Amino acid sequence: MNKSELVDALADRTGMTKADAGRAVDALFSVDQGVIAKTLKKGQKVQITGFGSFETRKRKARTGRNPRTGATIKIPATRAPSFRGGKGLKDAVK
């Protein structure tokens, strides 16, 4: 399912217009202004009971290898977004 299909499904299920559903999806998932992204940038966790939780995880600095040249490179430490599915979502997918 892509974004436009998600907007269509949300509009059908809730009775919203497609424009309103699109704004709702953007308000949650937009990379720049979305609620989830802004919360994760602050270092906080977004937890939706039964569905799952979004959080950031720290990755340690490590050494890697350039696949073209074979040269060893240093990969700096970083924060990466992570999603962990909740029990309700896991049971629904089974």
Protein backbone atom coordinates (compact mmCIF):
# COMPACT_ATOMS: atom_id res chain seq x y z
CA MET A 1 0.00 0.00 0.00
CA ASN A 2 1.39 3.39 -0.92
CA LYS A 3 0.47 6.84 0.38
CA SER A 4 -2.35 7.52 -2.10
CA GLU A 5 -3.91 4.12 -1.38
CA LEU A 6 -3.65 4.85 2.35
CA VAL A 7 -5.40 8.21 1.83
CA ASP A 8 -8.15 6.51 -0.21
CA ALA A 9 -8.66 3.82 2.43
CA LEU A 10 -8.80 6.40 5.23
CA ALA A 11 -11.30 8.50 3.31
CA ASP A 12 -13.51 5.47 2.60
CA ARG A 13 -13.41 4.17 6.17
CA THR A 14 -14.02 7.51 7.94
CA GLY A 15 -16.21 9.34 5.46
CA MET A 16 -13.65 12.15 5.17
CA THR A 17 -12.93 13.81 1.87
CA LYS A 18 -9.75 12.68 0.16
CA ALA A 19 -8.23 16.12 0.74
CA ASP A 20 -8.92 15.93 4.49
CA ALA A 21 -7.61 12.37 4.64
CA GLY A 22 -4.45 13.46 2.81
CA ARG A 23 -3.89 16.26 5.32
CA ALA A 24 -4.42 13.80 8.19
CA VAL A 25 -1.87 11.35 6.77
CA ASP A 26 0.61 14.20 6.20
CA ALA A 27 0.07 15.49 9.74
CA LEU A 28 1.14 12.11 11.11
CA PHE A 29 3.77 10.86 8.69
CA SER A 30 5.36 13.89 7.00
CA VAL A 31 9.14 13.85 7.33
CA ASP A 32 9.41 17.61 7.94
CA GLN A 33 6.24 18.56 9.83
CA GLY A 34 4.73 15.23 10.90
CA VAL A 35 3.83 14.56 14.51
CA ILE A 36 5.82 11.31 14.64
CA ALA A 37 8.99 12.76 13.07
CA LYS A 38 8.94 15.86 15.30
CA THR A 39 8.54 13.74 18.42
CA LEU A 40 11.38 11.42 17.41
CA LYS A 41 13.64 14.42 16.68
CA LYS A 42 13.11 15.53 20.28
CA GLY A 43 14.32 12.11 21.43
CA GLN A 44 10.91 11.06 22.69
CA LYS A 45 8.95 7.88 21.98
CA VAL A 46 5.57 7.60 20.21
CA GLN A 47 3.54 4.71 21.62
CA ILE A 48 0.18 3.65 20.20
CA THR A 49 -1.30 1.00 22.47
CA GLY A 50 -2.08 -2.21 20.61
CA PHE A 51 -0.40 -1.01 17.41
CA GLY A 52 3.24 -0.39 18.30
CA SER A 53 5.85 2.20 19.19
CA PHE A 54 8.21 4.43 17.27
CA GLU A 55 11.52 5.34 18.89
CA THR A 56 15.08 6.25 18.04
CA ARG A 57 17.99 3.94 18.66
CA LYS A 58 21.63 4.83 18.89
CA ARG A 59 24.06 3.06 16.60
CA LYS A 60 27.65 2.91 17.72
CA ALA A 61 30.50 4.08 15.54
CA ARG A 62 32.03 1.20 13.65
CA THR A 63 34.41 0.37 10.85
CA GLY A 64 33.13 -0.76 7.49
CA ARG A 65 34.48 -1.63 4.09
CA ASN A 66 33.97 0.19 0.80
CA PRO A 67 32.65 -2.56 -1.51
CA ARG A 68 34.26 -1.02 -4.61
CA THR A 69 37.76 -0.40 -3.36
CA GLY A 70 37.91 -2.71 -0.37
CA ALA A 71 39.25 0.18 1.71
CA THR A 72 38.37 0.30 5.40
CA ILE A 73 36.24 3.31 6.37
CA LYS A 74 34.96 4.69 9.66
CA ILE A 75 31.19 4.91 10.00
CA PRO A 76 30.21 7.53 12.62
CA ALA A 77 27.69 6.99 15.41
CA THR A 78 24.13 7.94 14.52
CA ARG A 79 20.53 7.81 15.67
CA ALA A 80 18.10 5.74 13.60
CA PRO A 81 14.30 5.53 13.76
CA SER A 82 12.85 2.21 14.81
CA PHE A 83 9.38 0.69 14.97
CA ARG A 84 8.34 -2.19 17.19
CA GLY A 85 4.94 -3.74 16.55
CA GLY A 86 2.60 -4.16 19.49
CA LYS A 87 0.83 -7.33 20.57
CA GLY A 88 -2.44 -6.38 18.85
CA LEU A 89 -0.71 -5.78 15.51
CA LYS A 90 1.35 -8.96 15.81
CA ASP A 91 -1.78 -11.01 16.56
CA ALA A 92 -3.68 -9.43 13.65
CA VAL A 93 -0.88 -10.26 11.21
CA LYS A 94 -0.57 -13.92 12.31
